[in-house]
Amino acid sequence: RVHRRETAALDGPPTYAGFNTPLGLAVGPDDFLYIADTKNNRIRCASPSGYVTTIAGPSKGPGGYEIGQPGFRDGPALNGAEFNRPHGITLDPFGNIYVCDTWNDRVRKLNRPAHQHSNDDSGHGEEFWPKGVGTT
């Protein structure tokens, strides 16, 4: 789905949610689709029903359409962690997420807690903590 810039970062059902140059996709052990939303500088997930949620990077601002500014910071994933053009993404069998934070020249890890998703299949209530991985 093609979106105008101001709606390209919205979370929600598949007919409402938008992306800005997603360049990485991976299916997790929970059957959710994980997306490196590159120009929004966010990590997003889509539930099996298609509901899209931002799980790392800046959350939506006033009006719900703030485009994430590039940066580098570890911390609470939502509104704490910052990415700079994440491209690749993969998950291990435990649900930990690994992101190529391309313009920061880092591979970042988002630790996955035991309570992976809420009962409504939307991903709300999740907590992720990205940690910078130095070098290979």
Protein backbone atom coordinates (compact mmCIF):
# COMPACT_ATOMS: atom_id res chain seq x y z
CA ARG A 1 0.00 0.00 0.00
CA VAL A 2 1.34 3.42 -0.96
CA HIS A 3 1.01 6.16 1.64
CA ARG A 4 1.58 9.86 1.82
CA ARG A 5 4.54 10.82 4.01
CA GLU A 6 2.35 11.90 6.93
CA THR A 7 0.58 8.52 7.10
CA ALA A 8 3.58 6.30 6.36
CA ALA A 9 4.29 5.61 10.05
CA LEU A 10 0.84 4.79 11.38
CA ASP A 11 0.19 1.65 13.42
CA GLY A 12 -3.08 -0.21 13.09
CA PRO A 13 -4.99 -2.68 10.95
CA PRO A 14 -3.62 -3.53 7.49
CA THR A 15 -5.90 -1.06 5.71
CA TYR A 16 -4.63 1.78 7.94
CA ALA A 17 -0.98 1.08 8.79
CA GLY A 18 1.82 2.41 6.63
CA PHE A 19 5.57 2.10 6.10
CA ASN A 20 8.36 4.23 4.68
CA THR A 21 10.79 2.11 2.66
CA PRO A 22 10.72 -1.19 4.56
CA LEU A 23 13.91 -3.05 3.61
CA GLY A 24 13.97 -6.05 5.93
CA LEU A 25 11.41 -8.74 6.76
CA ALA A 26 11.55 -11.82 8.99
CA VAL A 27 8.95 -14.22 10.34
CA GLY A 28 9.33 -14.94 14.04
CA PRO A 29 8.68 -18.16 15.96
CA ASP A 30 5.36 -16.56 16.97
CA ASP A 31 4.31 -16.26 13.28
CA PHE A 32 4.47 -12.47 13.47
CA LEU A 33 6.16 -10.62 10.60
CA TYR A 34 8.98 -8.32 11.79
CA ILE A 35 9.83 -5.32 9.62
CA ALA A 36 12.83 -3.00 9.46
CA ASP A 37 10.94 0.17 8.53
CA THR A 38 14.04 1.88 7.18
CA LYS A 39 13.12 5.51 6.55
CA ASN A 40 10.92 5.64 9.66
CA ASN A 41 13.91 4.41 11.71
CA ARG A 42 11.65 1.91 13.46
CA ILE A 43 11.21 -1.77 14.00
CA ARG A 44 7.62 -2.88 13.47
CA CYS A 45 5.71 -6.13 13.65
CA ALA A 46 2.56 -7.36 11.98
CA SER A 47 0.42 -9.95 13.72
CA PRO A 48 -0.93 -12.94 11.80
CA SER A 49 -4.15 -10.94 11.38
CA GLY A 50 -2.17 -8.03 9.87
CA TYR A 51 -2.28 -5.54 12.76
CA VAL A 52 0.92 -3.43 12.65
CA THR A 53 2.65 -2.21 15.82
CA THR A 54 5.83 -0.20 16.33
CA ILE A 55 8.01 -2.14 18.77
CA ALA A 56 11.25 -0.14 18.67
CA GLY A 57 12.21 3.39 17.73
CA PRO A 58 10.20 6.57 18.09
CA SER A 59 6.48 6.17 18.60
CA LYS A 60 3.92 8.20 16.76
CA GLY A 61 3.72 11.85 17.71
CA PRO A 62 0.81 14.30 17.77
CA GLY A 63 -1.58 13.34 15.04
CA GLY A 64 -0.08 9.86 14.93
CA TYR A 65 2.33 10.39 12.04
CA GLU A 66 5.72 11.49 13.34
CA ILE A 67 8.44 10.13 11.09
CA GLY A 68 11.31 8.78 13.16
CA GLN A 69 14.48 10.84 13.11
CA PRO A 70 17.74 8.89 12.72
CA GLY A 71 19.92 8.48 15.78
CA PHE A 72 21.78 6.02 17.97
CA ARG A 73 20.75 5.21 21.51
CA ASP A 74 20.16 2.06 23.55
CA GLY A 75 17.36 1.95 26.09
CA PRO A 76 13.68 1.06 26.26
CA ALA A 77 12.81 0.11 22.72
CA LEU A 78 9.81 2.36 22.29
CA ASN A 79 10.73 6.05 22.62
CA GLY A 80 14.17 5.19 24.02
CA ALA A 81 16.04 3.32 21.32
CA GLU A 82 17.12 5.11 18.19
CA PHE A 83 18.12 3.63 14.84
CA ASN A 84 19.65 5.07 11.70
CA ARG A 85 18.24 3.39 8.60
CA PRO A 86 17.75 -0.19 9.82
CA HIS A 87 17.83 -2.54 6.83
CA GLY A 88 18.13 -6.21 7.75
CA ILE A 89 16.28 -8.10 10.45
CA THR A 90 16.21 -11.68 11.74
CA LEU A 91 15.06 -13.57 14.82
CA ASP A 92 16.54 -16.46 16.76
CA PRO A 93 14.41 -19.44 17.90
CA PHE A 94 13.71 -17.68 21.22
CA GLY A 95 12.22 -14.59 19.57
CA ASN A 96 15.19 -12.24 20.12
CA ILE A 97 15.37 -9.76 17.27
CA TYR A 98 18.63 -8.80 15.52
CA VAL A 99 18.65 -5.63 13.43
CA CYS A 100 21.27 -4.28 11.04
CA ASP A 101 21.36 -0.65 12.14
CA THR A 102 23.01 0.21 8.85
CA TRP A 103 24.09 3.84 9.08
CA ASN A 104 25.21 3.36 12.70
CA ASP A 105 27.42 0.44 11.57
CA ARG A 106 26.01 -1.81 14.28
CA VAL A 107 24.07 -5.02 14.72
CA ARG A 108 21.51 -4.41 17.46
CA LYS A 109 19.64 -6.95 19.56
CA LEU A 110 16.15 -6.55 20.94
CA ASN A 111 15.68 -8.93 23.86
CA ARG A 112 12.35 -10.69 23.79
CA PRO A 113 10.49 -11.05 27.10
CA ALA A 114 8.49 -14.15 28.02
CA HIS A 115 5.18 -12.27 27.61
CA GLN A 116 5.50 -11.91 23.86
CA HIS A 117 2.12 -10.57 22.79
CA SER A 118 -1.15 -9.60 24.34
CA ASN A 119 -4.26 -11.70 23.89
CA ASP A 120 -5.71 -9.35 21.30
CA ASP A 121 -2.98 -10.34 18.78
CA SER A 122 -1.98 -6.70 18.36
CA GLY A 123 1.37 -6.72 20.14
CA HIS A 124 0.33 -4.03 22.62
CA GLY A 125 1.97 -4.12 26.01
CA GLU A 126 5.29 -5.50 24.81
CA GLU A 127 8.62 -4.45 26.25
CA PHE A 128 11.80 -4.62 24.20
CA TRP A 129 15.30 -3.55 25.25
CA PRO A 130 17.79 -3.04 22.44
CA LYS A 131 21.45 -3.58 23.18
CA GLY A 132 24.22 -2.51 20.84
CA VAL A 133 26.39 -5.35 19.62
CA GLY A 134 29.90 -3.99 19.12
CA THR A 135 31.64 -5.86 16.34
CA THR A 136 31.61 -9.25 14.70
